[in-house]
Amino acid sequence: MSSNDGPYYKTNLYKVDANAMPGAAAQTWTDASAGLAYLKIVGQYMTTPGVIVHEFGHAMHYSEKNWIDQTRTGAWWEPIANFIADLYIATPTCASAKRAYNLPDGDSLIELKKVIGDSFQVLVDGTSGSGNYYQSWPFLSYLQSNPDSYSGLGDATLLNMIRKYRLNSDETPLHSLERLLSGVTVQKVVGRYWAHMAFVDIGHAKAQSMFNAQRNSLNYANVDSNGNGKYTVKSARAPRYMGANIVPLKVTGGNVDVSVTGSGGAYTATLVVKGQDGKVRYTDVVNGKANVSVASGEEVMFVIANTPPLVLYDPFKIPADLNRGLSYSIQLTGATV
């Protein structure tokens, strides 16, 4: 027998009246003895993918068990559900099934004003009223698409992060991700994810299209000018634990040089260049310095992520030291901000 031979279980969906769940479109309920979930959906949302597939994402997550009753994985349930919903709605993953039942595609669920506009926040931040955990799912898209071909990443990354979680350890999902990787660190992966978010080059065509339409409205006010090509990060927007700053540059010459001076933690920084053909290339900042040649019409962004050693933390109760941003300055030649 193979692992696909069953047994199989159906997921029960119950249509309910709106007054049965005030303020909610749907909820995932669970049967702990069976280890399975069932969904309650308000009638008007029974065919709304952003609702029903989101909840089904919770049901899939619950069936895997390993992250249940673990405090430090708690805030990851919502990005996982949104990732699965977006995967169904806006990527080719379920295209053949949708065609077979005449179901439509839709736009990506990506919320760029939060993901990019507040990129300085902790990678997954569950703070009530200001956090990003519902919007942080593009990190999972990057891990799945694996545009940098890192060993250990790909289609099964999320599933493996759950299945290879150290049981009852209350570690964070990033600790589990660390065990999947070979030849690259979590810090490098997070830094490169943010570099790819400079142009939303994460293997997601609809998300990138939305970025191209919205980019001029996004908040990139991350640094202040000190004159003579030097810029210092705004203290309120200094990148926190596994967060980042994305800084568009105005190219003034055929070469762009950057020198980085950081204090208060480790960082991963990148110069990102987008050609007129849409292709994007990435140059690591090594020992505080990087240089790129820039052709006419090419765009350049500087990206810096706060990538210290992994920390055990609860995203719903982020300690002050993780919310203390990375202090840094940059010296530019061949470009301004």
Protein backbone atom coordinates (compact mmCIF):
# COMPACT_ATOMS: atom_id res chain seq x y z
CA MET A 1 0.00 0.00 0.00
CA SER A 2 1.10 3.55 -0.67
CA SER A 3 0.47 6.62 1.41
CA ASN A 4 -2.28 7.59 -1.08
CA ASP A 5 -4.33 4.43 -0.54
CA GLY A 6 -6.47 5.99 2.18
CA PRO A 7 -8.56 5.85 4.21
CA TYR A 8 -10.09 9.07 2.96
CA TYR A 9 -12.40 11.42 4.84
CA LYS A 10 -14.90 13.94 3.59
CA THR A 11 -15.07 17.43 5.06
CA ASN A 12 -18.58 18.39 6.17
CA LEU A 13 -19.84 21.86 5.27
CA TYR A 14 -22.89 23.23 7.06
CA LYS A 15 -24.90 26.14 5.69
CA VAL A 16 -26.01 28.36 8.56
CA ASP A 17 -27.97 31.57 9.04
CA ALA A 18 -26.03 34.79 9.59
CA ASN A 19 -27.44 35.19 13.09
CA ALA A 20 -25.83 31.88 14.07
CA MET A 21 -22.35 33.45 13.74
CA PRO A 22 -22.67 37.22 14.24
CA GLY A 23 -19.91 39.12 12.48
CA ALA A 24 -18.47 36.04 10.74
CA ALA A 25 -18.85 34.75 7.19
CA ALA A 26 -17.63 31.29 8.14
CA GLN A 27 -15.91 29.35 10.89
CA THR A 28 -13.87 26.17 11.16
CA TRP A 29 -15.07 23.81 13.88
CA THR A 30 -13.20 20.76 15.05
CA ASP A 31 -13.72 17.25 16.32
CA ALA A 32 -10.66 16.56 18.47
CA SER A 33 -11.46 12.88 18.92
CA ALA A 34 -11.54 12.31 15.16
CA GLY A 35 -8.77 14.78 14.41
CA LEU A 36 -10.89 16.36 11.69
CA ALA A 37 -12.52 19.71 11.07
CA TYR A 38 -15.87 20.77 9.65
CA LEU A 39 -16.99 24.12 8.31
CA LYS A 40 -19.93 26.35 9.06
CA ILE A 41 -20.63 28.80 6.24
CA VAL A 42 -23.17 31.61 6.23
CA GLY A 43 -25.51 30.89 3.30
CA GLN A 44 -24.58 33.89 1.15
CA TYR A 45 -20.91 32.90 1.23
CA MET A 46 -21.31 29.25 0.19
CA THR A 47 -19.82 29.98 -3.24
CA THR A 48 -17.32 32.71 -2.23
CA PRO A 49 -13.80 31.22 -2.63
CA GLY A 50 -12.09 33.79 -0.43
CA VAL A 51 -14.28 32.60 2.44
CA ILE A 52 -14.83 28.91 1.88
CA VAL A 53 -11.32 28.00 0.67
CA HIS A 54 -9.79 30.04 3.50
CA GLU A 55 -11.75 27.94 5.99
CA PHE A 56 -10.88 24.75 4.13
CA GLY A 57 -7.25 25.81 4.54
CA HIS A 58 -7.82 25.77 8.29
CA ALA A 59 -9.35 22.30 7.99
CA MET A 60 -6.31 21.02 6.06
CA HIS A 61 -4.01 22.58 8.64
CA TYR A 62 -5.94 21.06 11.54
CA SER A 63 -5.83 17.58 10.01
CA GLU A 64 -2.03 17.69 10.10
CA LYS A 65 -2.19 18.02 13.93
CA ASN A 66 1.42 18.97 14.70
CA TRP A 67 0.82 22.70 15.22
CA ILE A 68 -2.27 22.27 17.40
CA ASP A 69 -1.96 23.68 20.95
CA GLN A 70 1.42 25.24 20.16
CA THR A 71 1.51 28.88 21.22
CA ARG A 72 4.28 30.00 18.89
CA THR A 73 2.62 28.64 15.74
CA GLY A 74 -0.73 30.27 16.50
CA ALA A 75 -0.42 33.38 14.34
CA TRP A 76 0.60 31.28 11.32
CA TRP A 77 -2.87 29.73 10.96
CA GLU A 78 -4.28 32.79 9.18
CA PRO A 79 -1.46 33.30 6.65
CA ILE A 80 -1.66 29.59 5.84
CA ALA A 81 -5.42 29.82 5.23
CA ASN A 82 -4.99 32.90 3.02
CA PHE A 83 -2.12 31.26 1.16
CA ILE A 84 -4.31 28.25 0.36
CA ALA A 85 -7.23 30.47 -0.66
CA ASP A 86 -4.99 32.55 -2.94
CA LEU A 87 -3.45 29.38 -4.36
CA TYR A 88 -6.93 28.25 -5.43
CA ILE A 89 -8.25 31.62 -6.59
CA ALA A 90 -5.33 33.27 -8.35
CA THR A 91 -2.74 30.68 -9.43
CA PRO A 92 -2.83 27.84 -12.01
CA THR A 93 -2.73 25.20 -9.23
CA CYS A 94 -6.43 24.30 -9.45
CA ALA A 95 -7.05 25.52 -13.00
CA SER A 96 -8.03 22.16 -14.49
CA ALA A 97 -10.48 21.41 -11.66
CA LYS A 98 -12.06 24.85 -11.98
CA ARG A 99 -12.43 24.45 -15.75
CA ALA A 100 -14.10 21.08 -15.27
CA TYR A 101 -16.78 22.67 -13.08
CA ASN A 102 -16.94 26.04 -14.88
CA LEU A 103 -15.60 27.94 -11.88
CA PRO A 104 -13.95 31.34 -12.36
CA ASP A 105 -10.47 32.56 -11.54
CA GLY A 106 -9.96 35.70 -9.48
CA ASP A 107 -7.45 38.33 -8.46
CA SER A 108 -4.75 37.66 -5.91
CA LEU A 109 -5.55 38.28 -2.26
CA ILE A 110 -2.23 40.09 -1.79
CA GLU A 111 -2.50 43.32 0.25
CA LEU A 112 0.49 45.29 -0.94
CA LYS A 113 -0.09 48.36 1.19
CA LYS A 114 0.46 46.13 4.22
CA VAL A 115 3.04 43.64 2.95
CA ILE A 116 5.29 46.24 1.32
CA GLY A 117 4.10 49.43 2.99
CA ASP A 118 4.68 47.92 6.44
CA SER A 119 7.47 45.52 5.47
CA PHE A 120 9.45 46.70 8.50
CA GLN A 121 7.17 44.73 10.84
CA VAL A 122 8.08 41.33 12.28
CA LEU A 123 7.67 38.79 9.46
CA VAL A 124 4.53 37.33 11.07
CA ASP A 125 3.07 39.81 13.56
CA GLY A 126 -0.17 38.94 15.36
CA THR A 127 -0.49 42.22 17.24
CA SER A 128 -4.17 43.15 17.52
CA GLY A 129 -5.10 46.12 15.35
CA SER A 130 -1.70 46.62 13.70
CA GLY A 131 -0.25 43.19 12.90
CA ASN A 132 0.27 41.65 9.50
CA TYR A 133 -0.45 37.99 10.03
CA TYR A 134 -3.44 37.78 7.67
CA GLN A 135 -1.38 39.54 4.99
CA SER A 136 1.99 37.81 5.51
CA TRP A 137 1.20 34.76 3.34
CA PRO A 138 3.34 35.81 0.31
CA PHE A 139 6.32 34.43 2.25
CA LEU A 140 4.71 30.99 1.84
CA SER A 141 4.22 31.64 -1.88
CA TYR A 142 7.91 32.41 -2.19
CA LEU A 143 8.85 29.21 -0.33
CA GLN A 144 6.60 27.19 -2.61
CA SER A 145 7.66 28.72 -5.93
CA ASN A 146 11.33 28.64 -4.86
CA PRO A 147 12.60 31.04 -7.53
CA ASP A 148 16.15 30.77 -6.14
CA SER A 149 16.15 26.96 -6.35
CA TYR A 150 17.17 26.47 -2.73
CA SER A 151 17.47 22.84 -1.66
CA GLY A 152 14.58 21.88 0.62
CA LEU A 153 12.03 24.34 -0.76
CA GLY A 154 9.27 23.80 -3.31
CA ASP A 155 5.68 22.61 -3.59
CA ALA A 156 5.77 20.59 -0.36
CA THR A 157 7.51 23.19 1.80
CA LEU A 158 4.53 24.16 3.95
CA LEU A 159 3.45 20.55 4.43
CA ASN A 160 7.00 19.59 5.41
CA MET A 161 7.26 22.52 7.82
CA ILE A 162 4.26 21.10 9.65
CA ARG A 163 5.21 17.42 9.43
CA LYS A 164 8.82 17.99 10.47
CA TYR A 165 7.89 20.23 13.35
CA ARG A 166 9.44 19.02 16.60
CA LEU A 167 6.37 17.68 18.36
CA ASN A 168 5.18 19.57 21.45
CA SER A 169 8.31 21.73 21.36
CA ASP A 170 6.43 25.03 20.96
CA GLU A 171 9.14 26.11 18.54
CA THR A 172 8.35 28.59 15.77
CA PRO A 173 7.64 27.59 12.16
CA LEU A 174 10.95 29.18 11.16
CA HIS A 175 12.75 26.64 13.35
CA SER A 176 10.96 23.89 11.44
CA LEU A 177 11.84 25.55 8.13
CA GLU A 178 15.48 25.59 9.18
CA ARG A 179 15.47 21.76 9.28
CA LEU A 180 14.25 21.56 5.69
CA LEU A 181 17.04 23.65 4.24
CA SER A 182 20.34 22.41 2.89
CA GLY A 183 23.19 24.69 1.92
CA VAL A 184 21.37 27.88 2.86
CA THR A 185 20.26 29.47 6.11
CA VAL A 186 16.80 30.67 7.13
CA GLN A 187 18.30 34.14 7.35
CA LYS A 188 19.39 34.00 3.71
CA VAL A 189 15.97 32.70 2.65
CA VAL A 190 14.15 35.49 4.49
CA GLY A 191 16.52 38.11 3.09
CA ARG A 192 16.08 36.83 -0.44
CA TYR A 193 12.30 36.67 -0.02
CA TRP A 194 12.26 40.37 0.77
CA ALA A 195 14.58 41.05 -2.15
CA HIS A 196 12.09 39.30 -4.43
CA MET A 197 9.29 41.40 -2.97
CA ALA A 198 11.00 44.52 -4.33
CA PHE A 199 9.24 43.78 -7.64
CA VAL A 200 6.97 40.96 -6.31
CA ASP A 201 9.07 38.52 -8.32
CA ILE A 202 7.81 35.48 -6.37
CA GLY A 203 6.47 33.29 -9.18
CA HIS A 204 2.96 34.71 -8.84
CA ALA A 205 1.85 36.47 -12.02
CA LYS A 206 -1.37 37.99 -10.67
CA ALA A 207 0.29 39.30 -7.52
CA GLN A 208 3.01 40.90 -9.64
CA SER A 209 0.41 42.44 -11.93
CA MET A 210 -1.31 44.00 -8.94
CA PHE A 211 2.04 45.35 -7.77
CA ASN A 212 2.67 46.95 -11.15
CA ALA A 213 -0.73 48.65 -10.93
CA GLN A 214 -0.36 49.82 -7.32
CA ARG A 215 3.33 50.44 -6.82
CA ASN A 216 3.13 54.22 -7.11
CA SER A 217 0.73 54.33 -4.15
CA LEU A 218 2.88 52.25 -1.79
CA ASN A 219 4.77 53.71 1.17
CA TYR A 220 8.54 53.49 0.69
CA ALA A 221 9.44 56.32 3.10
CA ASN A 222 11.99 54.26 5.01
CA VAL A 223 15.09 56.49 5.14
CA ASP A 224 16.07 60.11 5.70
CA SER A 225 18.74 61.94 3.71
CA ASN A 226 21.83 63.14 5.57
CA GLY A 227 23.31 64.77 2.47
CA ASN A 228 26.18 63.77 0.18
CA GLY A 229 24.58 60.42 -0.72
CA LYS A 230 24.15 59.19 2.85
CA TYR A 231 20.81 57.98 4.19
CA THR A 232 19.75 56.74 7.62
CA VAL A 233 16.75 54.56 8.43
CA LYS A 234 13.77 56.28 10.06
CA SER A 235 13.59 54.91 13.59
CA ALA A 236 9.85 54.20 13.35
CA ARG A 237 10.37 52.11 10.21
CA ALA A 238 13.59 50.32 11.13
CA PRO A 239 13.13 46.65 10.18
CA ARG A 240 12.17 44.41 13.07
CA TYR A 241 12.72 40.65 13.47
CA MET A 242 12.79 39.15 9.96
CA GLY A 243 11.20 42.30 8.57
CA ALA A 244 12.75 44.53 5.92
CA ASN A 245 12.99 47.90 4.20
CA ILE A 246 12.56 48.17 0.44
CA VAL A 247 14.09 51.40 -0.91
CA PRO A 248 13.60 52.42 -4.57
CA LEU A 249 16.62 54.22 -5.99
CA LYS A 250 16.86 56.94 -8.64
CA VAL A 251 19.74 55.95 -10.87
CA THR A 252 22.13 58.75 -11.85
CA GLY A 253 24.92 56.78 -13.53
CA GLY A 254 25.88 53.52 -15.17
CA ASN A 255 27.01 51.95 -11.90
CA VAL A 256 25.36 51.94 -8.50
CA ASP A 257 27.45 51.37 -5.39
CA VAL A 258 26.11 50.94 -1.87
CA SER A 259 27.94 50.75 1.42
CA VAL A 260 25.95 49.65 4.46
CA THR A 261 26.69 50.39 8.09
CA GLY A 262 24.47 48.48 10.49
CA SER A 263 24.27 48.32 14.25
CA GLY A 264 22.17 46.37 16.67
CA GLY A 265 21.90 43.11 14.78
CA ALA A 266 22.66 40.99 11.74
CA TYR A 267 21.21 41.88 8.36
CA THR A 268 20.87 40.52 4.83
CA ALA A 269 20.95 43.18 2.12
CA THR A 270 20.57 43.09 -1.65
CA LEU A 271 20.69 45.37 -4.67
CA VAL A 272 17.82 44.40 -6.97
CA VAL A 273 17.81 45.39 -10.64
CA LYS A 274 14.86 45.01 -13.00
CA GLY A 275 15.59 45.13 -16.71
CA GLN A 276 13.37 46.51 -19.42
CA ASP A 277 12.54 42.92 -20.37
CA GLY A 278 11.07 42.36 -16.90
CA LYS A 279 13.85 40.05 -15.73
CA VAL A 280 15.17 40.74 -12.24
CA ARG A 281 18.69 40.13 -10.96
CA TYR A 282 19.96 40.09 -7.40
CA THR A 283 23.33 41.16 -6.04
CA ASP A 284 24.15 40.40 -2.41
CA VAL A 285 25.70 43.00 -0.17
CA VAL A 286 28.90 41.32 1.06
CA ASN A 287 30.97 42.78 3.88
CA GLY A 288 28.79 45.86 3.73
CA LYS A 289 29.29 46.61 0.03
CA ALA A 290 27.70 45.89 -3.34
CA ASN A 291 27.95 47.24 -6.87
CA VAL A 292 25.77 46.78 -9.95
CA SER A 293 26.04 47.94 -13.53
CA VAL A 294 22.83 49.53 -14.74
CA ALA A 295 21.72 49.92 -18.35
CA SER A 296 19.43 52.67 -19.58
CA GLY A 297 15.85 52.06 -18.49
CA GLU A 298 16.69 49.60 -15.73
CA GLU A 299 15.30 50.05 -12.22
CA VAL A 300 17.19 49.51 -8.96
CA MET A 301 16.01 48.92 -5.42
CA PHE A 302 17.97 48.45 -2.22
CA VAL A 303 16.55 45.88 0.22
CA ILE A 304 17.73 45.20 3.76
CA ALA A 305 16.25 42.61 6.12
CA ASN A 306 16.82 42.21 9.85
CA THR A 307 17.99 38.59 10.03
CA PRO A 308 19.38 37.67 13.45
CA PRO A 309 19.65 34.13 14.82
CA LEU A 310 16.25 32.49 15.24
CA VAL A 311 14.30 33.39 18.36
CA LEU A 312 11.49 31.55 20.14
CA TYR A 313 8.64 34.06 20.26
CA ASP A 314 4.85 34.26 20.33
CA PRO A 315 3.67 36.49 17.44
CA PHE A 316 0.66 37.53 19.53
CA LYS A 317 2.96 38.78 22.31
CA ILE A 318 6.08 40.04 20.58
CA PRO A 319 8.79 40.98 23.09
CA ALA A 320 10.25 44.46 22.98
CA ASP A 321 13.66 43.33 21.76
CA LEU A 322 12.16 41.79 18.61
CA ASN A 323 10.20 44.96 17.92
CA ARG A 324 13.39 47.00 18.23
CA GLY A 325 14.37 47.79 14.67
CA LEU A 326 17.74 47.39 12.97
CA SER A 327 19.61 50.67 12.92
CA TYR A 328 21.56 51.25 9.69
CA SER A 329 22.78 53.84 7.23
CA ILE A 330 23.73 53.57 3.57
CA GLN A 331 26.13 55.50 1.37
CA LEU A 332 25.12 55.61 -2.30
CA THR A 333 27.10 56.41 -5.42
CA GLY A 334 25.41 56.50 -8.80
CA ALA A 335 21.93 56.78 -7.31
CA THR A 336 19.80 58.74 -4.87
CA VAL A 337 16.65 57.92 -2.92
